[in-house]
Amino acid sequence: MRKILTISVDDGAPADLRTADLLMKYGLKATFYVPKENPERPVMSLKQIREIASSEDFELGGHTVSHLSLHRMSHGQAKREIEDGKSWLEDTIGRSVTAFCYPQGKFSRTTPRLVEEAGFLGGRRFM
């Protein structure tokens, strides 16, 4: 049986640059999920986000605009958070983003459809 290990880094904190350095040191790949803003803590600058995106070892994934829990939002608000977060990140790094992570690991039964309609290939849930 083939086993796969994936590494993901959540929330776009400036400390993620240290994590990226450690991952590179040991030859590990990862996906960094970055929101545009986060009311819980500071997020990386655009320059820092682009620095991580410049490595072939790292993928960047969508994490909404405001890092608020999607399951408490109206359908329209959740749709805007997901789509606008994707557009912002793609504009920031200059390429397509296909991975998504649900902020706080929370979503409603209709949220995965919004993620798919926004053009993501999948959604990751942290617990």
Protein backbone atom coordinates (compact mmCIF):
# COMPACT_ATOMS: atom_id res chain seq x y z
CA MET A 1 0.00 0.00 0.00
CA ARG A 2 1.34 3.39 -1.01
CA LYS A 3 1.26 6.07 1.71
CA ILE A 4 1.27 9.79 1.10
CA LEU A 5 2.23 12.50 3.55
CA THR A 6 1.15 16.06 2.92
CA ILE A 7 2.30 19.10 4.82
CA SER A 8 0.17 22.20 5.04
CA VAL A 9 0.75 25.49 6.78
CA ASP A 10 -2.30 27.52 7.71
CA ASP A 11 -3.15 31.22 8.14
CA GLY A 12 -0.28 33.08 6.42
CA ALA A 13 1.54 34.23 9.58
CA PRO A 14 4.93 35.92 9.12
CA ALA A 15 6.48 33.01 11.06
CA ASP A 16 5.63 30.85 8.03
CA LEU A 17 8.86 32.09 6.47
CA ARG A 18 10.82 30.24 9.18
CA THR A 19 8.69 27.17 8.51
CA ALA A 20 9.48 27.46 4.79
CA ASP A 21 13.21 27.65 5.57
CA LEU A 22 13.03 24.48 7.68
CA LEU A 23 11.01 22.63 5.06
CA MET A 24 13.52 23.60 2.36
CA LYS A 25 16.43 22.54 4.60
CA TYR A 26 14.99 19.03 4.79
CA GLY A 27 13.75 18.88 1.21
CA LEU A 28 10.05 18.82 2.11
CA LYS A 29 7.24 20.26 0.04
CA ALA A 30 4.17 21.97 1.49
CA THR A 31 1.06 23.97 0.76
CA PHE A 32 0.69 27.34 2.47
CA TYR A 33 -2.91 28.53 2.87
CA VAL A 34 -2.95 32.32 3.01
CA PRO A 35 -5.88 34.66 3.70
CA LYS A 36 -5.69 38.32 2.71
CA GLU A 37 -6.27 39.33 6.33
CA ASN A 38 -6.71 37.54 9.62
CA PRO A 39 -8.37 39.12 12.69
CA GLU A 40 -6.53 36.62 14.92
CA ARG A 41 -2.96 37.54 13.96
CA PRO A 42 -0.85 39.44 11.43
CA VAL A 43 -0.40 37.97 7.96
CA MET A 44 2.63 38.00 5.70
CA SER A 45 3.31 40.99 3.50
CA LEU A 46 2.79 40.69 -0.25
CA LYS A 47 6.57 40.47 -0.66
CA GLN A 48 6.76 37.59 1.82
CA ILE A 49 3.91 35.75 0.12
CA ARG A 50 5.66 36.11 -3.23
CA GLU A 51 8.89 34.85 -1.67
CA ILE A 52 7.23 31.60 -0.61
CA ALA A 53 5.44 31.34 -3.97
CA SER A 54 8.77 31.63 -5.79
CA SER A 55 9.91 28.24 -4.48
CA GLU A 56 9.09 25.23 -6.63
CA ASP A 57 8.72 23.25 -3.40
CA PHE A 58 5.71 25.20 -2.20
CA GLU A 59 2.14 25.61 -3.35
CA LEU A 60 -0.05 28.46 -2.17
CA GLY A 61 -3.71 27.86 -1.52
CA GLY A 62 -6.77 30.01 -0.99
CA HIS A 63 -7.99 30.72 2.53
CA THR A 64 -10.63 33.45 1.90
CA VAL A 65 -10.30 37.20 2.24
CA SER A 66 -10.92 37.66 5.95
CA HIS A 67 -10.30 34.23 7.53
CA LEU A 68 -13.76 34.20 9.08
CA SER A 69 -15.75 31.01 9.54
CA LEU A 70 -17.74 30.33 6.37
CA HIS A 71 -20.49 28.30 8.02
CA ARG A 72 -21.89 31.41 9.74
CA MET A 73 -22.08 33.51 6.59
CA SER A 74 -24.87 33.94 4.11
CA HIS A 75 -24.47 32.07 0.84
CA GLY A 76 -23.58 35.31 -0.98
CA GLN A 77 -21.05 36.44 1.60
CA ALA A 78 -19.33 33.04 1.67
CA LYS A 79 -19.19 33.04 -2.14
CA ARG A 80 -17.53 36.48 -2.16
CA GLU A 81 -15.03 35.47 0.54
CA ILE A 82 -13.97 32.38 -1.40
CA GLU A 83 -13.88 33.95 -4.88
CA ASP A 84 -12.33 37.27 -3.85
CA GLY A 85 -9.70 35.48 -1.75
CA LYS A 86 -8.77 33.34 -4.75
CA SER A 87 -8.56 36.36 -7.08
CA TRP A 88 -6.46 38.31 -4.59
CA LEU A 89 -3.98 35.47 -4.11
CA GLU A 90 -3.73 34.78 -7.84
CA ASP A 91 -3.10 38.49 -8.50
CA THR A 92 -0.48 38.53 -5.74
CA ILE A 93 1.54 35.54 -6.98
CA GLY A 94 0.80 35.80 -10.69
CA ARG A 95 -0.52 32.29 -11.24
CA SER A 96 -3.53 30.08 -10.69
CA VAL A 97 -4.43 28.75 -7.24
CA THR A 98 -6.19 25.37 -7.08
CA ALA A 99 -6.06 24.34 -3.40
CA PHE A 100 -8.38 25.71 -0.71
CA CYS A 101 -8.53 25.40 3.06
CA TYR A 102 -11.67 26.18 5.09
CA PRO A 103 -10.92 28.85 7.73
CA GLN A 104 -11.12 27.34 11.20
CA GLY A 105 -12.03 24.03 9.52
CA LYS A 106 -15.68 25.03 9.43
CA PHE A 107 -18.15 24.99 6.56
CA SER A 108 -21.81 24.35 5.82
CA ARG A 109 -23.19 21.63 3.58
CA THR A 110 -23.31 24.08 0.64
CA THR A 111 -19.82 25.56 1.06
CA PRO A 112 -17.90 22.80 -0.80
CA ARG A 113 -19.97 23.57 -3.90
CA LEU A 114 -18.93 27.24 -3.68
CA VAL A 115 -15.29 26.18 -3.45
CA GLU A 116 -15.70 24.02 -6.56
CA GLU A 117 -17.54 26.77 -8.46
CA ALA A 118 -14.72 29.20 -7.65
CA GLY A 119 -12.33 26.92 -9.54
CA PHE A 120 -10.56 25.12 -6.72
CA LEU A 121 -9.79 21.43 -7.22
CA GLY A 122 -10.37 20.59 -3.56
CA GLY A 123 -10.85 21.85 -0.05
CA ARG A 124 -8.84 20.93 3.02
CA ARG A 125 -10.25 20.90 6.51
CA PHE A 126 -8.10 21.40 9.61
CA MET A 127 -9.34 20.20 12.94
